[in-house]
Amino acid sequence: MNQSLITGSSGFVGTNLCIYLKDHTKMVSLVRNKVDNDLVSESVLYDEFWNNKDWSFKNYIHLAGKAHDLKNISDESEYFKVNYELTKRLYKRFLEDDHAQTFIFISSVKAVADTVEDILDENVTPSPVTAYGRSKLKAEECILDNLPKDKTVIILRPCMIHGPGNKGNLNLLYSIVNKGIPWPLGNFDNQRSFLTIDNLVYVIKEILEGKLESGVYNIADDEPLSTSELVELMAELNGSKPKIWNVPKSVIKVIAKIGNKLPFPLDEERLEKLTENYLVSNEKLKFSLGIKMMPTDSRDGMIKTLKSFN
């Protein structure tokens, strides 16, 4: 069985990926501190790896990174240290590894745009605003400037990833609906692309089997969902009726402006995040894989995630 080096193996994506690939490749985890992890064959400290040129792997799967800080309290330099410098060093090692064949870098759609007016595809010129997005883009550029002809290098740009075990905004929204609190933003008809973890690990396995050529690929579920649809789905799974209020947009916007100055649960920035459109095209990826649809339906994947919250 071939060997794959993976970073971020203990994270949400890494854990699911190690479970999915356990019968397909021997997983070796690159870690800062050694901890028990039954999902990998062994763990290697970063310092050991950098100092020992004898380590060799067929595949390099780079998941580790500093996630986007929604509270905007992180030091900007930390994003570049983790998302760029680490990627640069690991990619250099991959290029020097004579046995290495495939490098997979998990980037983000935020490396391209923080807001989307139409549909985000791979032809959009990147213009990230946040330090998170800019650090991911710089890592992408480092990789794309040094593409080898005899190896496969894949950059995946996922949108919001969800699945059992994931913690984030979906959990918060679920908690609100579960408590019977009405959703007052029914007049905002937004559409957002999501990515179920099942589709992500499927695509990574397909890459390891040589089914994609080097390049940049957006990855998302096939169908977007609106926030109101999520609220309805959450209520349905709890056996209750969805409480969606169609409060006039003008009223909501006034409340959000007040929330900029007073400790309200809603301010203009949060309103934008809750009601914005963010549509991501996965057509290039599906065409390259030779499939018409992603294996897991958008709604089915979301239901699986929401059921796990119980």
C-alpha atoms as a PDB file:
ATOM      1  CA  MET A   1       0.000   0.000   0.000  1.00  0.00           C
ATOM      2  CA  ASN A   2       1.355   3.431  -0.923  1.00  0.00           C
ATOM      3  CA  GLN A   3       2.101   6.070   1.684  1.00  0.00           C
ATOM      4  CA  SER A   4       0.451   9.473   2.005  1.00  0.00           C
ATOM      5  CA  LEU A   5       1.676  12.315   4.184  1.00  0.00           C
ATOM      6  CA  ILE A   6      -1.152  14.369   5.648  1.00  0.00           C
ATOM      7  CA  THR A   7      -1.163  17.613   7.617  1.00  0.00           C
ATOM      8  CA  GLY A   8      -4.142  18.593   9.747  1.00  0.00           C
ATOM      9  CA  SER A   9      -5.132  14.965  10.319  1.00  0.00           C
ATOM     10  CA  SER A  10      -6.754  15.696  13.687  1.00  0.00           C
ATOM     11  CA  GLY A  11      -9.040  18.419  12.316  1.00  0.00           C
ATOM     12  CA  PHE A  12     -12.592  18.029  11.051  1.00  0.00           C
ATOM     13  CA  VAL A  13     -11.630  17.413   7.417  1.00  0.00           C
ATOM     14  CA  GLY A  14      -8.542  15.378   8.312  1.00  0.00           C
ATOM     15  CA  THR A  15     -10.430  13.030  10.610  1.00  0.00           C
ATOM     16  CA  ASN A  16     -13.093  12.312   7.997  1.00  0.00           C
ATOM     17  CA  LEU A  17     -10.487  11.895   5.261  1.00  0.00           C
ATOM     18  CA  CYS A  18      -8.383   9.435   7.272  1.00  0.00           C
ATOM     19  CA  ILE A  19     -11.477   7.305   7.917  1.00  0.00           C
ATOM     20  CA  TYR A  20     -12.435   7.413   4.236  1.00  0.00           C
ATOM     21  CA  LEU A  21      -8.957   6.519   2.952  1.00  0.00           C
ATOM     22  CA  LYS A  22      -7.963   3.932   5.557  1.00  0.00           C
ATOM     23  CA  ASP A  23      -8.229   1.037   3.088  1.00  0.00           C
ATOM     24  CA  HIS A  24      -6.668   2.903   0.171  1.00  0.00           C
ATOM     25  CA  THR A  25      -3.424   4.385   1.449  1.00  0.00           C
ATOM     26  CA  LYS A  26      -1.143   4.267   4.482  1.00  0.00           C
ATOM     27  CA  MET A  27      -1.585   7.601   6.245  1.00  0.00           C
ATOM     28  CA  VAL A  28       1.346   9.267   8.014  1.00  0.00           C
ATOM     29  CA  SER A  29       0.466  12.402   9.970  1.00  0.00           C
ATOM     30  CA  LEU A  30       2.751  15.437  10.130  1.00  0.00           C
ATOM     31  CA  VAL A  31       2.169  17.017  13.563  1.00  0.00           C
ATOM     32  CA  ARG A  32       3.493  19.644  15.946  1.00  0.00           C
ATOM     33  CA  ASN A  33       2.923  17.458  19.001  1.00  0.00           C
ATOM     34  CA  LYS A  34       2.603  13.701  19.063  1.00  0.00           C
ATOM     35  CA  VAL A  35      -0.769  12.470  20.315  1.00  0.00           C
ATOM     36  CA  ASP A  36      -2.536   9.141  20.013  1.00  0.00           C
ATOM     37  CA  ASN A  37      -4.305   8.891  16.656  1.00  0.00           C
ATOM     38  CA  ASP A  38      -5.668   5.500  15.660  1.00  0.00           C
ATOM     39  CA  LEU A  39      -6.632   6.794  12.219  1.00  0.00           C
ATOM     40  CA  VAL A  40      -3.017   7.061  10.997  1.00  0.00           C
ATOM     41  CA  SER A  41      -0.228   4.492  10.877  1.00  0.00           C
ATOM     42  CA  GLU A  42       2.220   6.855  12.572  1.00  0.00           C
ATOM     43  CA  SER A  43       2.867  10.487  13.382  1.00  0.00           C
ATOM     44  CA  VAL A  44       5.974  12.476  12.530  1.00  0.00           C
ATOM     45  CA  LEU A  45       7.000  15.738  14.174  1.00  0.00           C
ATOM     46  CA  TYR A  46       7.610  18.689  11.857  1.00  0.00           C
ATOM     47  CA  ASP A  47      11.190  19.103  13.091  1.00  0.00           C
ATOM     48  CA  GLU A  48      11.930  15.418  12.494  1.00  0.00           C
ATOM     49  CA  PHE A  49      10.526  15.665   8.987  1.00  0.00           C
ATOM     50  CA  TRP A  50      12.391  18.836   8.008  1.00  0.00           C
ATOM     51  CA  ASN A  51      15.698  17.441   9.300  1.00  0.00           C
ATOM     52  CA  ASN A  52      15.393  13.979   7.760  1.00  0.00           C
ATOM     53  CA  LYS A  53      15.541  13.914   3.951  1.00  0.00           C
ATOM     54  CA  ASP A  54      14.977  10.151   3.907  1.00  0.00           C
ATOM     55  CA  TRP A  55      11.257  10.492   4.496  1.00  0.00           C
ATOM     56  CA  SER A  56       9.483   9.833   1.202  1.00  0.00           C
ATOM     57  CA  PHE A  57       5.791   9.676   0.270  1.00  0.00           C
ATOM     58  CA  LYS A  58       3.769   9.073  -2.856  1.00  0.00           C
ATOM     59  CA  ASN A  59       1.133  11.645  -1.892  1.00  0.00           C
ATOM     60  CA  TYR A  60       1.222  14.904   0.047  1.00  0.00           C
ATOM     61  CA  ILE A  61      -2.182  16.054   1.363  1.00  0.00           C
ATOM     62  CA  HIS A  62      -1.950  19.513   2.912  1.00  0.00           C
ATOM     63  CA  LEU A  63      -4.992  20.340   5.037  1.00  0.00           C
ATOM     64  CA  ALA A  64      -3.415  22.267   7.918  1.00  0.00           C
ATOM     65  CA  GLY A  65      -3.966  25.995   8.041  1.00  0.00           C
ATOM     66  CA  LYS A  66      -5.165  28.891  10.125  1.00  0.00           C
ATOM     67  CA  ALA A  67      -8.910  29.213   9.708  1.00  0.00           C
ATOM     68  CA  HIS A  68     -10.764  32.444   9.039  1.00  0.00           C
ATOM     69  CA  ASP A  69     -11.313  34.362  12.275  1.00  0.00           C
ATOM     70  CA  LEU A  70     -14.851  35.732  12.220  1.00  0.00           C
ATOM     71  CA  LYS A  71     -14.111  37.945  15.244  1.00  0.00           C
ATOM     72  CA  ASN A  72     -11.165  39.622  13.470  1.00  0.00           C
ATOM     73  CA  ILE A  73      -8.879  39.427  16.507  1.00  0.00           C
ATOM     74  CA  SER A  74      -6.068  37.326  15.015  1.00  0.00           C
ATOM     75  CA  ASP A  75      -2.666  38.766  14.172  1.00  0.00           C
ATOM     76  CA  GLU A  76      -2.490  39.127  10.393  1.00  0.00           C
ATOM     77  CA  SER A  77       1.061  37.759  10.287  1.00  0.00           C
ATOM     78  CA  GLU A  78      -0.144  34.467  11.752  1.00  0.00           C
ATOM     79  CA  TYR A  79      -2.194  33.767   8.632  1.00  0.00           C
ATOM     80  CA  PHE A  80       0.842  34.136   6.390  1.00  0.00           C
ATOM     81  CA  LYS A  81       3.082  32.153   8.728  1.00  0.00           C
ATOM     82  CA  VAL A  82       0.730  29.167   8.721  1.00  0.00           C
ATOM     83  CA  ASN A  83      -1.152  29.357   5.424  1.00  0.00           C
ATOM     84  CA  TYR A  84       1.719  30.558   3.244  1.00  0.00           C
ATOM     85  CA  GLU A  85       5.098  29.807   4.834  1.00  0.00           C
ATOM     86  CA  LEU A  86       4.174  26.269   5.880  1.00  0.00           C
ATOM     87  CA  THR A  87       2.680  25.519   2.464  1.00  0.00           C
ATOM     88  CA  LYS A  88       5.767  26.899   0.727  1.00  0.00           C
ATOM     89  CA  ARG A  89       8.092  24.735   2.799  1.00  0.00           C
ATOM     90  CA  LEU A  90       6.031  21.573   2.427  1.00  0.00           C
ATOM     91  CA  TYR A  91       5.646  22.080  -1.327  1.00  0.00           C
ATOM     92  CA  LYS A  92       9.406  22.534  -1.698  1.00  0.00           C
ATOM     93  CA  ARG A  93       9.892  19.226   0.083  1.00  0.00           C
ATOM     94  CA  PHE A  94       7.368  17.584  -2.255  1.00  0.00           C
ATOM     95  CA  LEU A  95       9.273  18.829  -5.301  1.00  0.00           C
ATOM     96  CA  GLU A  96      12.511  17.427  -3.871  1.00  0.00           C
ATOM     97  CA  ASP A  97      10.948  14.030  -3.109  1.00  0.00           C
ATOM     98  CA  ASP A  98      11.805  11.789  -6.073  1.00  0.00           C
ATOM     99  CA  HIS A  99       9.068   9.305  -5.145  1.00  0.00           C
ATOM    100  CA  ALA A 100       6.305  11.872  -4.707  1.00  0.00           C
ATOM    101  CA  GLN A 101       3.601  11.940  -7.378  1.00  0.00           C
ATOM    102  CA  THR A 102       0.650  13.977  -6.062  1.00  0.00           C
ATOM    103  CA  PHE A 103       0.320  17.176  -4.024  1.00  0.00           C
ATOM    104  CA  ILE A 104      -3.107  18.341  -2.836  1.00  0.00           C
ATOM    105  CA  PHE A 105      -3.500  21.769  -1.273  1.00  0.00           C
ATOM    106  CA  ILE A 106      -6.777  22.700   0.372  1.00  0.00           C
ATOM    107  CA  SER A 107      -7.170  26.414  -0.281  1.00  0.00           C
ATOM    108  CA  SER A 108     -10.495  28.288  -0.113  1.00  0.00           C
ATOM    109  CA  VAL A 109     -12.949  30.209  -2.276  1.00  0.00           C
ATOM    110  CA  LYS A 110     -12.031  33.119   0.000  1.00  0.00           C
ATOM    111  CA  ALA A 111      -8.657  33.181  -1.775  1.00  0.00           C
ATOM    112  CA  VAL A 112     -10.624  34.587  -4.715  1.00  0.00           C
ATOM    113  CA  ALA A 113     -13.466  36.706  -3.341  1.00  0.00           C
ATOM    114  CA  ASP A 114     -15.089  37.614  -0.045  1.00  0.00           C
ATOM    115  CA  THR A 115     -18.326  38.540  -1.783  1.00  0.00           C
ATOM    116  CA  VAL A 116     -19.784  37.176  -5.024  1.00  0.00           C
ATOM    117  CA  GLU A 117     -22.172  39.048  -7.304  1.00  0.00           C
ATOM    118  CA  ASP A 118     -22.755  36.306  -9.875  1.00  0.00           C
ATOM    119  CA  ILE A 119     -21.278  32.789  -9.759  1.00  0.00           C
ATOM    120  CA  LEU A 120     -17.702  32.156  -8.702  1.00  0.00           C
ATOM    121  CA  ASP A 121     -15.746  30.027 -11.160  1.00  0.00           C
ATOM    122  CA  GLU A 122     -12.050  29.473 -11.795  1.00  0.00           C
ATOM    123  CA  ASN A 123     -11.882  32.309 -14.355  1.00  0.00           C
ATOM    124  CA  VAL A 124     -12.581  35.040 -11.806  1.00  0.00           C
ATOM    125  CA  THR A 125      -9.533  37.207 -11.080  1.00  0.00           C
ATOM    126  CA  PRO A 126      -8.695  36.792  -7.381  1.00  0.00           C
ATOM    127  CA  SER A 127      -9.125  39.862  -5.193  1.00  0.00           C
ATOM    128  CA  PRO A 128      -9.333  38.666  -1.578  1.00  0.00           C
ATOM    129  CA  VAL A 129      -9.790  41.269   1.142  1.00  0.00           C
ATOM    130  CA  THR A 130      -9.085  39.445   4.407  1.00  0.00           C
ATOM    131  CA  ALA A 131      -5.675  38.289   5.646  1.00  0.00           C
ATOM    132  CA  TYR A 132      -7.017  34.742   5.541  1.00  0.00           C
ATOM    133  CA  GLY A 133      -7.915  34.988   1.852  1.00  0.00           C
ATOM    134  CA  ARG A 134      -4.715  36.806   0.903  1.00  0.00           C
ATOM    135  CA  SER A 135      -2.533  34.249   2.698  1.00  0.00           C
ATOM    136  CA  LYS A 136      -4.286  31.381   0.913  1.00  0.00           C
ATOM    137  CA  LEU A 137      -3.884  33.131  -2.439  1.00  0.00           C
ATOM    138  CA  LYS A 138      -0.183  33.717  -1.831  1.00  0.00           C
ATOM    139  CA  ALA A 139       0.229  30.013  -1.115  1.00  0.00           C
ATOM    140  CA  GLU A 140      -1.618  29.195  -4.342  1.00  0.00           C
ATOM    141  CA  GLU A 141       0.655  31.522  -6.317  1.00  0.00           C
ATOM    142  CA  CYS A 142       3.753  29.915  -4.810  1.00  0.00           C
ATOM    143  CA  ILE A 143       2.536  26.523  -6.003  1.00  0.00           C
ATOM    144  CA  LEU A 144       1.384  27.628  -9.453  1.00  0.00           C
ATOM    145  CA  ASP A 145       4.711  29.362 -10.118  1.00  0.00           C
ATOM    146  CA  ASN A 146       6.519  26.032  -9.730  1.00  0.00           C
ATOM    147  CA  LEU A 147       4.381  23.362 -11.384  1.00  0.00           C
ATOM    148  CA  PRO A 148       6.399  20.219 -12.251  1.00  0.00           C
ATOM    149  CA  LYS A 149       5.732  18.405 -15.524  1.00  0.00           C
ATOM    150  CA  ASP A 150       6.148  14.911 -14.087  1.00  0.00           C
ATOM    151  CA  LYS A 151       3.909  15.270 -11.012  1.00  0.00           C
ATOM    152  CA  THR A 152       0.272  16.096 -10.290  1.00  0.00           C
ATOM    153  CA  VAL A 153      -0.457  19.231  -8.286  1.00  0.00           C
ATOM    154  CA  ILE A 154      -4.045  20.029  -7.319  1.00  0.00           C
ATOM    155  CA  ILE A 155      -5.389  23.130  -5.585  1.00  0.00           C
ATOM    156  CA  LEU A 156      -8.924  22.694  -4.261  1.00  0.00           C
ATOM    157  CA  ARG A 157     -11.005  25.730  -3.349  1.00  0.00           C
ATOM    158  CA  PRO A 158     -13.859  24.567  -1.107  1.00  0.00           C
ATOM    159  CA  CYS A 159     -16.754  26.735  -0.005  1.00  0.00           C
ATOM    160  CA  MET A 160     -18.275  26.281   3.468  1.00  0.00           C
ATOM    161  CA  ILE A 161     -17.618  22.664   4.498  1.00  0.00           C
ATOM    162  CA  HIS A 162     -20.049  20.888   6.797  1.00  0.00           C
ATOM    163  CA  GLY A 163     -20.638  17.424   8.182  1.00  0.00           C
ATOM    164  CA  PRO A 164     -21.039  15.494  11.450  1.00  0.00           C
ATOM    165  CA  GLY A 165     -18.529  16.738  13.984  1.00  0.00           C
ATOM    166  CA  ASN A 166     -18.220  20.184  12.429  1.00  0.00           C
ATOM    167  CA  LYS A 167     -18.703  23.239  14.644  1.00  0.00           C
ATOM    168  CA  GLY A 168     -19.570  26.661  13.285  1.00  0.00           C
ATOM    169  CA  ASN A 169     -22.359  28.933  12.128  1.00  0.00           C
ATOM    170  CA  LEU A 170     -24.669  26.041  11.241  1.00  0.00           C
ATOM    171  CA  ASN A 171     -24.615  24.875  14.849  1.00  0.00           C
ATOM    172  CA  LEU A 172     -25.479  28.388  16.009  1.00  0.00           C
ATOM    173  CA  LEU A 173     -28.404  28.677  13.588  1.00  0.00           C
ATOM    174  CA  TYR A 174     -29.616  25.203  14.573  1.00  0.00           C
ATOM    175  CA  SER A 175     -29.561  26.202  18.236  1.00  0.00           C
ATOM    176  CA  ILE A 176     -31.689  29.279  17.489  1.00  0.00           C
ATOM    177  CA  VAL A 177     -34.274  27.271  15.540  1.00  0.00           C
ATOM    178  CA  ASN A 178     -34.278  24.475  18.118  1.00  0.00           C
ATOM    179  CA  LYS A 179     -35.174  26.965  20.851  1.00  0.00           C
ATOM    180  CA  GLY A 180     -38.210  28.115  18.862  1.00  0.00           C
ATOM    181  CA  ILE A 181     -36.794  31.591  18.277  1.00  0.00           C
ATOM    182  CA  PRO A 182     -38.380  33.111  15.127  1.00  0.00           C
ATOM    183  CA  TRP A 183     -36.152  33.801  12.138  1.00  0.00           C
ATOM    184  CA  PRO A 184     -36.857  37.435  11.184  1.00  0.00           C
ATOM    185  CA  LEU A 185     -34.986  37.564   7.861  1.00  0.00           C
ATOM    186  CA  GLY A 186     -37.533  35.777   5.680  1.00  0.00           C
ATOM    187  CA  ASN A 187     -37.623  38.669   3.192  1.00  0.00           C
ATOM    188  CA  PHE A 188     -33.954  38.153   2.338  1.00  0.00           C
ATOM    189  CA  ASP A 189     -33.899  35.485  -0.389  1.00  0.00           C
ATOM    190  CA  ASN A 190     -30.223  34.542  -0.533  1.00  0.00           C
ATOM    191  CA  GLN A 191     -28.549  31.530  -2.129  1.00  0.00           C
ATOM    192  CA  ARG A 192     -25.333  29.975  -0.792  1.00  0.00           C
ATOM    193  CA  SER A 193     -23.190  27.090  -1.943  1.00  0.00           C
ATOM    194  CA  PHE A 194     -22.172  24.518   0.637  1.00  0.00           C
ATOM    195  CA  LEU A 195     -19.862  21.507   0.575  1.00  0.00           C
ATOM    196  CA  THR A 196     -20.690  18.315   2.421  1.00  0.00           C
ATOM    197  CA  ILE A 197     -17.625  16.527   3.783  1.00  0.00           C
ATOM    198  CA  ASP A 198     -18.698  13.370   1.903  1.00  0.00           C
ATOM    199  CA  ASN A 199     -18.179  15.085  -1.454  1.00  0.00           C
ATOM    200  CA  LEU A 200     -14.828  16.533  -0.416  1.00  0.00           C
ATOM    201  CA  VAL A 201     -13.294  13.229   0.685  1.00  0.00           C
ATOM    202  CA  TYR A 202     -14.671  11.561  -2.452  1.00  0.00           C
ATOM    203  CA  VAL A 203     -12.898  14.085  -4.670  1.00  0.00           C
ATOM    204  CA  ILE A 204      -9.608  13.720  -2.784  1.00  0.00           C
ATOM    205  CA  LYS A 205      -9.754   9.946  -3.264  1.00  0.00           C
ATOM    206  CA  GLU A 206     -10.388  10.437  -6.987  1.00  0.00           C
ATOM    207  CA  ILE A 207      -7.332  12.715  -7.164  1.00  0.00           C
ATOM    208  CA  LEU A 208      -5.139  10.100  -5.489  1.00  0.00           C
ATOM    209  CA  GLU A 209      -6.313   7.624  -8.106  1.00  0.00           C
ATOM    210  CA  GLY A 210      -5.041   9.918 -10.842  1.00  0.00           C
ATOM    211  CA  LYS A 211      -8.379  11.151 -12.177  1.00  0.00           C
ATOM    212  CA  LEU A 212      -7.542  14.878 -12.269  1.00  0.00           C
ATOM    213  CA  GLU A 213      -4.877  16.838 -14.084  1.00  0.00           C
ATOM    214  CA  SER A 214      -2.843  19.521 -12.340  1.00  0.00           C
ATOM    215  CA  GLY A 215      -4.746  22.765 -11.786  1.00  0.00           C
ATOM    216  CA  VAL A 216      -7.111  24.797  -9.629  1.00  0.00           C
ATOM    217  CA  TYR A 217     -10.622  23.508  -8.965  1.00  0.00           C
ATOM    218  CA  ASN A 218     -13.567  24.952  -7.076  1.00  0.00           C
ATOM    219  CA  ILE A 219     -15.392  22.339  -5.058  1.00  0.00           C
ATOM    220  CA  ALA A 220     -18.999  22.651  -3.888  1.00  0.00           C
ATOM    221  CA  ASP A 221     -22.224  20.653  -3.749  1.00  0.00           C
ATOM    222  CA  ASP A 222     -24.416  20.825  -6.833  1.00  0.00           C
ATOM    223  CA  GLU A 223     -27.348  22.857  -5.505  1.00  0.00           C
ATOM    224  CA  PRO A 224     -27.217  25.969  -3.283  1.00  0.00           C
ATOM    225  CA  LEU A 225     -29.466  26.481  -0.282  1.00  0.00           C
ATOM    226  CA  SER A 226     -30.987  29.661   1.148  1.00  0.00           C
ATOM    227  CA  THR A 227     -30.863  30.498   4.839  1.00  0.00           C
ATOM    228  CA  SER A 228     -34.658  30.271   4.992  1.00  0.00           C
ATOM    229  CA  GLU A 229     -34.481  26.776   3.476  1.00  0.00           C
ATOM    230  CA  LEU A 230     -32.013  25.801   6.189  1.00  0.00           C
ATOM    231  CA  VAL A 231     -34.365  27.119   8.877  1.00  0.00           C
ATOM    232  CA  GLU A 232     -37.257  25.131   7.366  1.00  0.00           C
ATOM    233  CA  LEU A 233     -35.134  21.988   7.183  1.00  0.00           C
ATOM    234  CA  MET A 234     -33.974  22.362  10.787  1.00  0.00           C
ATOM    235  CA  ALA A 235     -37.527  22.805  12.028  1.00  0.00           C
ATOM    236  CA  GLU A 236     -38.711  19.831   9.977  1.00  0.00           C
ATOM    237  CA  LEU A 237     -36.041  17.578  11.488  1.00  0.00           C
ATOM    238  CA  ASN A 238     -37.113  18.712  14.972  1.00  0.00           C
ATOM    239  CA  GLY A 239     -40.750  17.949  14.224  1.00  0.00           C
ATOM    240  CA  SER A 240     -41.848  21.571  14.496  1.00  0.00           C
ATOM    241  CA  LYS A 241     -43.132  24.254  12.177  1.00  0.00           C
ATOM    242  CA  PRO A 242     -40.580  26.788  10.966  1.00  0.00           C
ATOM    243  CA  LYS A 243     -41.030  30.254  12.464  1.00  0.00           C
ATOM    244  CA  ILE A 244     -39.970  32.604   9.680  1.00  0.00           C
ATOM    245  CA  TRP A 245     -40.971  36.234   9.930  1.00  0.00           C
ATOM    246  CA  ASN A 246     -40.992  38.422   6.839  1.00  0.00           C
ATOM    247  CA  VAL A 247     -39.963  41.619   8.578  1.00  0.00           C
ATOM    248  CA  PRO A 248     -39.534  44.463   6.038  1.00  0.00           C
ATOM    249  CA  LYS A 249     -35.944  44.810   4.895  1.00  0.00           C
ATOM    250  CA  SER A 250     -35.942  48.510   5.739  1.00  0.00           C
ATOM    251  CA  VAL A 251     -36.756  47.738   9.373  1.00  0.00           C
ATOM    252  CA  ILE A 252     -34.063  45.059   9.602  1.00  0.00           C
ATOM    253  CA  LYS A 253     -31.471  47.419   8.138  1.00  0.00           C
ATOM    254  CA  VAL A 254     -32.326  50.105  10.685  1.00  0.00           C
ATOM    255  CA  ILE A 255     -31.953  47.563  13.494  1.00  0.00           C
ATOM    256  CA  ALA A 256     -28.600  46.463  12.048  1.00  0.00           C
ATOM    257  CA  LYS A 257     -27.361  50.064  12.007  1.00  0.00           C
ATOM    258  CA  ILE A 258     -28.306  50.424  15.649  1.00  0.00           C
ATOM    259  CA  GLY A 259     -26.476  47.167  16.299  1.00  0.00           C
ATOM    260  CA  ASN A 260     -23.273  48.783  15.044  1.00  0.00           C
ATOM    261  CA  LYS A 261     -23.271  50.964  18.146  1.00  0.00           C
ATOM    262  CA  LEU A 262     -25.244  48.988  20.716  1.00  0.00           C
ATOM    263  CA  PRO A 263     -24.854  45.345  21.862  1.00  0.00           C
ATOM    264  CA  PHE A 264     -27.619  43.987  19.621  1.00  0.00           C
ATOM    265  CA  PRO A 265     -27.436  40.424  18.249  1.00  0.00           C
ATOM    266  CA  LEU A 266     -27.559  41.917  14.748  1.00  0.00           C
ATOM    267  CA  ASP A 267     -25.270  44.507  13.171  1.00  0.00           C
ATOM    268  CA  GLU A 268     -24.602  45.402   9.519  1.00  0.00           C
ATOM    269  CA  GLU A 269     -21.650  43.016   9.159  1.00  0.00           C
ATOM    270  CA  ARG A 270     -23.578  40.069  10.606  1.00  0.00           C
ATOM    271  CA  LEU A 271     -26.625  40.926   8.487  1.00  0.00           C
ATOM    272  CA  GLU A 272     -24.437  40.838   5.373  1.00  0.00           C
ATOM    273  CA  LYS A 273     -23.056  37.418   6.300  1.00  0.00           C
ATOM    274  CA  LEU A 274     -26.519  36.003   6.989  1.00  0.00           C
ATOM    275  CA  THR A 275     -28.189  37.299   3.833  1.00  0.00           C
ATOM    276  CA  GLU A 276     -25.481  37.497   1.167  1.00  0.00           C
ATOM    277  CA  ASN A 277     -25.398  35.344  -1.961  1.00  0.00           C
ATOM    278  CA  TYR A 278     -22.301  33.200  -2.454  1.00  0.00           C
ATOM    279  CA  LEU A 279     -22.660  30.835  -5.389  1.00  0.00           C
ATOM    280  CA  VAL A 280     -19.752  28.610  -6.410  1.00  0.00           C
ATOM    281  CA  SER A 281     -19.507  26.692  -9.688  1.00  0.00           C
ATOM    282  CA  ASN A 282     -18.217  23.119  -9.581  1.00  0.00           C
ATOM    283  CA  GLU A 283     -18.597  22.536 -13.331  1.00  0.00           C
ATOM    284  CA  LYS A 284     -14.867  22.412 -14.115  1.00  0.00           C
ATOM    285  CA  LEU A 285     -14.319  19.786 -11.427  1.00  0.00           C
ATOM    286  CA  LYS A 286     -17.219  17.584 -12.552  1.00  0.00           C
ATOM    287  CA  PHE A 287     -16.233  17.838 -16.202  1.00  0.00           C
ATOM    288  CA  SER A 288     -12.652  16.854 -15.391  1.00  0.00           C
ATOM    289  CA  LEU A 289     -13.826  13.892 -13.291  1.00  0.00           C
ATOM    290  CA  GLY A 290     -16.282  12.819 -15.976  1.00  0.00           C
ATOM    291  CA  ILE A 291     -19.333  12.968 -13.697  1.00  0.00           C
ATOM    292  CA  LYS A 292     -22.663  14.765 -14.111  1.00  0.00           C
ATOM    293  CA  MET A 293     -23.411  15.169 -10.410  1.00  0.00           C
ATOM    294  CA  MET A 294     -21.531  15.037  -7.141  1.00  0.00           C
ATOM    295  CA  PRO A 295     -22.163  11.719  -5.367  1.00  0.00           C
ATOM    296  CA  THR A 296     -23.937  13.257  -2.351  1.00  0.00           C
ATOM    297  CA  ASP A 297     -26.977  15.470  -2.919  1.00  0.00           C
ATOM    298  CA  SER A 298     -26.825  18.939  -1.333  1.00  0.00           C
ATOM    299  CA  ARG A 299     -29.983  18.454   0.716  1.00  0.00           C
ATOM    300  CA  ASP A 300     -29.093  14.900   1.782  1.00  0.00           C
ATOM    301  CA  GLY A 301     -25.660  16.033   2.930  1.00  0.00           C
ATOM    302  CA  MET A 302     -27.171  18.890   4.921  1.00  0.00           C
ATOM    303  CA  ILE A 303     -29.720  16.601   6.557  1.00  0.00           C
ATOM    304  CA  LYS A 304     -26.918  14.258   7.656  1.00  0.00           C
ATOM    305  CA  THR A 305     -25.068  17.191   9.214  1.00  0.00           C
ATOM    306  CA  LEU A 306     -28.133  18.617  10.977  1.00  0.00           C
ATOM    307  CA  LYS A 307     -29.121  15.222  12.405  1.00  0.00           C
ATOM    308  CA  SER A 308     -25.678  14.972  13.982  1.00  0.00           C
ATOM    309  CA  PHE A 309     -26.358  18.108  16.059  1.00  0.00           C
ATOM    310  CA  ASN A 310     -28.761  16.084  18.192  1.00  0.00           C
END
